[in-house]
Structures are given as C-alpha cells and as structure tokens.
Amino acid sequence: MNFHVMTLFPEMIMQGLNVSIIGRAIEKGLISIEAVNIRDYAFNKHNKVDDYIYGGGAGMLMQAEPVYLCYEAIRERITSGSRPRVVYLTPQGEVFTQKKAQELAKEDDLILLCGHYEGIDERVLEEIVTDNISIGDYVLTGGELPAMIVVDAVSRLIPGVLNNDVSAEFESFQDDLLEYPQYSRPEIWHGKRVPEVLLSGHHANVEKWRHEQSVIRTRERRPDLLDNKEKS
C-alpha cells in the first residue's frame, strides 16, 4: 500500500513513521510512505501558502491552488488510474475507528491531507477530498499527528506488516469489544496471580474466559461500544 501525505512539515511525518513496525514494513516493501511538501507548489518566491480570510476573522487560511497542484502531482504518479481516496484530517470529520481503518486498508493508494493555520480554502476541499476524518473532539496545531495515527492504524492491517498477522484479528475494537486482559511470566508478581484458567491448557475455556473479560472491560470502560453493538 502507498501512503501520500500532503503536508507543510514532511520531516515530521517521515521522522515519526520511519521507526519500529512501520519502519520495518517500509524496508520490506510492504508499504511506502511519501511526505509531499505543499510549499513546493506555491506560486510565489517565498513559497507562501496562506493568506487572509475573506469576511475577516482571526488567523490565516491555506490557499486552494498550492494544495490542488500538490494533489495533481501525486495523482499523476499513481498508476492505478482510478481516483484515489483523499483523507482530510479535520476535527469536523467523522471519528476515526478500527472499522474505518479496515476500510481504508483495502486501498492501493491513500492520500492524506494535513491542514494548518485556520484550515484550508473550502473550494479545494470540495474538489479533491473524499473522506473527512477526526481523531477526536479536540483541536491540534495541524494534521500531521492525526495523519501519522491513520497511517499506523491502517498499515498494521496490511498482510505481513505484523510478525503475527493473527494478532490484528483479536485486538481492541474487533467485534466492538475491548481486548481482554493479558498476562506473561512470572505466574505471581507483587502477590498477584495469573488467572488459573489461563494456565489450564483448556483452549475452549480460555476463549470463553477471554470473551467474558472483553465484555466486562467494555462495559466498564466503553459502554458506548456495547450500546452500538446492541443497536446494530
């Protein structure tokens, strides 16, 4: 899968994603990530991409043309021929979920657009954006951190990225449940013992216990997920 991140701070994207599991996936050729500097497509000698807002208001707005030219340059390099998905990271978007990550993981190419200042001229958003995504109900200084979160969540669903692909199937938010508690050696730590069922070797009982614990943990920590499950 190929990720194309449109940003004013490409070094932030690449430094944040060139490590750990994602970095190894890049080295193996399982995914590719490019951070494209929107400033390179500004049409003035100072590479200025922002301007005052029509109608007044605080702050500056990213102009439509540099964003559009950056998008067109990326689109010309994409060989699939079809229109690529373009995700705009914005607090006004739908909240990013595991289900959305699974949907995006089916794409061959994914373009992520990072805003800054007071946002981006609405006209170019209407023309190129296919998905508006938020990582939560709060405001950040830019879209780079949300973009990295989306890349990380989507990448680990690509076959081969995780050393054990099965692990992605039994994690939090699968089937709208949080993941069950897990334990490793030693059997007793600070007076706390590993639950006996996990030492029994009885796989059916272990799976039953894990499911029960997932339901309990979800009810305690994210009851909204159970509400959504009951409504579906």
Protein backbone atom coordinates (compact mmCIF):
# COMPACT_ATOMS: atom_id res chain seq x y z
CA MET A 1 0.00 0.00 0.00
CA ASN A 2 1.19 3.51 -0.79
CA PHE A 3 0.60 6.46 1.53
CA HIS A 4 0.99 10.01 0.17
CA VAL A 5 0.90 12.70 2.85
CA MET A 6 0.34 16.31 1.78
CA THR A 7 1.91 18.48 4.46
CA LEU A 8 3.83 21.64 5.33
CA PHE A 9 6.16 19.59 7.55
CA PRO A 10 7.32 16.50 5.64
CA GLU A 11 10.22 15.87 8.03
CA MET A 12 7.76 15.45 10.90
CA ILE A 13 5.90 12.74 9.01
CA MET A 14 8.96 10.80 7.90
CA GLN A 15 10.78 11.01 11.23
CA GLY A 16 7.69 9.81 13.04
CA LEU A 17 6.96 6.85 10.76
CA ASN A 18 10.41 5.53 9.84
CA VAL A 19 10.76 3.53 13.06
CA SER A 20 9.56 0.33 14.71
CA ILE A 21 7.00 -1.86 12.94
CA ILE A 22 6.11 0.75 10.31
CA GLY A 23 9.77 1.41 9.53
CA ARG A 24 10.41 -2.30 9.04
CA ALA A 25 7.36 -2.59 6.79
CA ILE A 26 8.79 0.20 4.62
CA GLU A 27 12.16 -1.60 4.43
CA LYS A 28 10.40 -4.82 3.37
CA GLY A 29 8.47 -3.01 0.66
CA LEU A 30 5.09 -3.89 2.19
CA ILE A 31 4.12 -0.22 2.33
CA SER A 32 5.55 3.04 1.03
CA ILE A 33 5.20 6.48 2.58
CA GLU A 34 5.98 9.78 0.92
CA ALA A 35 5.53 13.18 2.54
CA VAL A 36 4.97 15.82 -0.12
CA ASN A 37 5.64 19.44 0.81
CA ILE A 38 2.71 21.65 -0.21
CA ARG A 39 5.06 24.65 -0.18
CA ASP A 40 6.81 23.22 -3.24
CA TYR A 41 3.67 24.05 -5.20
CA ALA A 42 3.30 27.65 -4.08
CA PHE A 43 3.35 30.20 -6.89
CA ASN A 44 5.43 32.93 -5.25
CA LYS A 45 9.12 33.36 -4.49
CA HIS A 46 8.68 32.94 -0.74
CA ASN A 47 6.73 29.65 -1.04
CA LYS A 48 3.86 31.24 0.86
CA VAL A 49 0.76 29.06 1.00
CA ASP A 50 -1.53 31.04 3.32
CA ASP A 51 -3.48 34.29 3.05
CA TYR A 52 -6.09 36.37 4.87
CA ILE A 53 -9.63 35.07 5.22
CA TYR A 54 -12.43 36.66 3.20
CA GLY A 55 -15.00 38.16 5.52
CA GLY A 56 -12.47 38.69 8.27
CA GLY A 57 -11.57 36.57 11.24
CA ALA A 58 -8.51 35.54 13.20
CA GLY A 59 -5.60 33.72 11.61
CA MET A 60 -4.68 32.76 8.08
CA LEU A 61 -6.06 30.19 5.66
CA MET A 62 -4.21 27.77 3.39
CA GLN A 63 -4.87 28.70 -0.23
CA ALA A 64 -6.56 26.37 -2.68
CA GLU A 65 -4.06 26.41 -5.57
CA PRO A 66 -0.92 25.03 -3.84
CA VAL A 67 -2.98 22.25 -2.30
CA TYR A 68 -4.58 21.41 -5.62
CA LEU A 69 -1.28 21.41 -7.53
CA CYS A 70 0.27 19.16 -4.88
CA TYR A 71 -2.66 16.77 -5.20
CA GLU A 72 -2.42 16.75 -9.01
CA ALA A 73 1.31 15.96 -8.85
CA ILE A 74 0.63 12.97 -6.60
CA ARG A 75 -2.28 11.79 -8.70
CA GLU A 76 -0.13 11.78 -11.84
CA ARG A 77 2.30 9.38 -10.13
CA ILE A 78 -0.42 6.93 -9.10
CA THR A 79 -0.60 4.18 -11.68
CA SER A 80 -3.96 2.62 -10.78
CA GLY A 81 -5.83 5.10 -12.98
CA SER A 82 -8.81 5.40 -10.65
CA ARG A 83 -9.45 8.42 -8.47
CA PRO A 84 -7.59 7.93 -5.17
CA ARG A 85 -9.14 8.30 -1.74
CA VAL A 86 -8.16 11.64 -0.21
CA VAL A 87 -8.47 11.89 3.56
CA TYR A 88 -8.58 15.36 5.09
CA LEU A 89 -7.61 15.31 8.77
CA THR A 90 -10.03 17.70 10.46
CA PRO A 91 -11.89 17.97 13.80
CA GLN A 92 -15.03 18.36 11.68
CA GLY A 93 -14.70 14.84 10.25
CA GLU A 94 -16.14 11.51 11.34
CA VAL A 95 -14.29 9.99 14.28
CA PHE A 96 -11.62 7.53 13.17
CA THR A 97 -12.38 3.94 14.16
CA GLN A 98 -10.94 0.48 13.64
CA LYS A 99 -13.73 -0.18 11.16
CA LYS A 100 -12.65 2.86 9.14
CA ALA A 101 -9.03 1.68 9.26
CA GLN A 102 -10.11 -1.69 7.85
CA GLU A 103 -11.99 0.07 5.06
CA LEU A 104 -9.01 2.25 4.12
CA ALA A 105 -6.62 -0.72 4.25
CA LYS A 106 -8.31 -2.07 1.10
CA GLU A 107 -6.98 0.83 -0.97
CA ASP A 108 -3.82 0.61 -3.10
CA ASP A 109 -3.08 4.32 -2.64
CA LEU A 110 -4.21 6.68 0.07
CA ILE A 111 -3.65 10.44 0.11
CA LEU A 112 -3.76 12.22 3.46
CA LEU A 113 -4.13 16.00 3.59
CA CYS A 114 -2.80 17.87 6.63
CA GLY A 115 -4.24 21.30 7.32
CA HIS A 116 -2.69 24.17 9.27
CA TYR A 117 -3.46 27.72 10.36
CA GLU A 118 -7.27 28.15 10.32
CA GLY A 119 -7.72 25.34 7.82
CA ILE A 120 -7.88 25.14 4.02
CA ASP A 121 -9.91 27.02 1.40
CA GLU A 122 -13.24 25.18 1.18
CA ARG A 123 -13.22 25.12 -2.62
CA VAL A 124 -10.27 22.78 -2.94
CA LEU A 125 -11.63 20.54 -0.19
CA GLU A 126 -14.87 20.20 -2.16
CA GLU A 127 -12.90 19.28 -5.28
CA ILE A 128 -10.42 16.69 -4.02
CA VAL A 129 -11.42 15.31 -0.59
CA THR A 130 -13.33 12.03 -0.37
CA ASP A 131 -13.17 11.46 3.40
CA ASN A 132 -13.10 13.84 6.37
CA ILE A 133 -11.58 12.16 9.44
CA SER A 134 -11.12 13.32 13.02
CA ILE A 135 -9.08 11.50 15.67
CA GLY A 136 -11.14 13.05 18.49
CA ASP A 137 -13.08 16.02 19.74
CA TYR A 138 -10.16 18.37 20.29
CA VAL A 139 -8.07 20.73 18.17
CA LEU A 140 -4.40 20.26 17.29
CA THR A 141 -1.94 22.64 15.64
CA GLY A 142 -2.00 20.68 12.40
CA GLY A 143 -2.96 17.45 10.70
CA GLU A 144 0.43 15.73 10.88
CA LEU A 145 -0.13 13.82 14.12
CA PRO A 146 -3.60 12.63 13.04
CA ALA A 147 -2.16 11.59 9.66
CA MET A 148 0.53 9.51 11.37
CA ILE A 149 -2.12 7.85 13.52
CA VAL A 150 -4.14 6.90 10.44
CA VAL A 151 -1.05 5.57 8.64
CA ASP A 152 -0.07 3.49 11.68
CA ALA A 153 -3.55 2.05 12.23
CA VAL A 154 -4.05 1.22 8.54
CA SER A 155 -0.53 -0.13 7.96
CA ARG A 156 -0.74 -2.78 10.65
CA LEU A 157 -3.74 -4.28 8.81
CA ILE A 158 -1.68 -4.84 5.66
CA PRO A 159 -0.69 -8.54 5.37
CA GLY A 160 2.87 -9.13 6.51
CA VAL A 161 3.30 -5.87 8.41
CA LEU A 162 2.80 -7.55 11.78
CA ASN A 163 5.05 -10.51 12.54
CA ASN A 164 1.93 -12.43 13.51
CA ASP A 165 -0.99 -11.39 11.31
CA VAL A 166 -3.41 -13.23 13.61
CA SER A 167 -2.73 -10.66 16.36
CA ALA A 168 -4.57 -7.99 14.38
CA GLU A 169 -7.71 -10.12 14.48
CA PHE A 170 -8.02 -10.29 18.26
CA GLU A 171 -7.39 -6.76 19.46
CA SER A 172 -9.45 -3.98 20.97
CA PHE A 173 -12.43 -2.84 18.88
CA GLN A 174 -12.66 -6.10 16.98
CA ASP A 175 -16.37 -7.02 17.10
CA ASP A 176 -16.94 -3.75 19.02
CA LEU A 177 -15.29 -5.12 22.17
CA LEU A 178 -12.16 -4.06 24.03
CA GLU A 179 -9.37 -6.61 24.30
CA TYR A 180 -9.30 -8.92 27.31
CA PRO A 181 -6.54 -8.57 29.96
CA GLN A 182 -3.32 -10.46 29.20
CA TYR A 183 -0.51 -11.85 31.33
CA SER A 184 3.07 -13.13 30.97
CA ARG A 185 5.70 -14.64 33.30
CA PRO A 186 6.11 -14.87 36.25
CA GLU A 187 2.89 -16.55 37.42
CA ILE A 188 2.92 -14.45 40.60
CA TRP A 189 4.01 -10.79 40.60
CA HIS A 190 3.61 -8.44 43.56
CA GLY A 191 1.29 -11.01 45.11
CA LYS A 192 -0.97 -11.06 42.04
CA ARG A 193 -1.50 -14.43 40.40
CA VAL A 194 -2.23 -15.16 36.73
CA PRO A 195 -5.87 -16.39 36.42
CA GLU A 196 -5.94 -20.17 36.74
CA VAL A 197 -7.93 -20.66 33.55
CA LEU A 198 -5.00 -19.31 31.51
CA LEU A 199 -2.72 -21.98 32.97
CA SER A 200 -5.18 -24.83 32.39
CA GLY A 201 -4.31 -25.57 28.77
CA HIS A 202 -8.04 -25.88 28.03
CA HIS A 203 -8.41 -23.74 24.92
CA ALA A 204 -12.21 -23.61 24.88
CA ASN A 205 -12.31 -22.42 28.49
CA VAL A 206 -9.60 -19.86 27.78
CA GLU A 207 -11.53 -18.44 24.82
CA LYS A 208 -14.73 -18.33 26.87
CA TRP A 209 -12.96 -16.51 29.72
CA ARG A 210 -11.36 -14.03 27.31
CA HIS A 211 -14.70 -13.21 25.70
CA GLU A 212 -16.31 -12.71 29.11
CA GLN A 213 -13.47 -10.43 30.17
CA SER A 214 -13.77 -8.43 26.95
CA VAL A 215 -17.46 -7.83 27.64
CA ILE A 216 -16.76 -6.86 31.27
CA ARG A 217 -13.95 -4.50 30.32
CA THR A 218 -16.01 -2.90 27.56
CA ARG A 219 -18.96 -2.40 29.92
CA GLU A 220 -16.66 -0.75 32.49
CA ARG A 221 -14.57 1.41 30.18
CA ARG A 222 -16.52 1.94 26.93
CA PRO A 223 -20.22 1.17 27.48
CA ASP A 224 -20.97 3.18 24.32
CA LEU A 225 -19.46 0.35 22.26
CA LEU A 226 -21.92 -2.14 23.74
CA ASP A 227 -24.76 0.28 23.02
CA ASN A 228 -23.63 0.47 19.38
CA LYS A 229 -23.40 -3.33 19.25
CA GLU A 230 -26.93 -3.74 20.53
CA LYS A 231 -28.29 -1.22 18.03
CA SER A 232 -26.65 -2.93 15.02
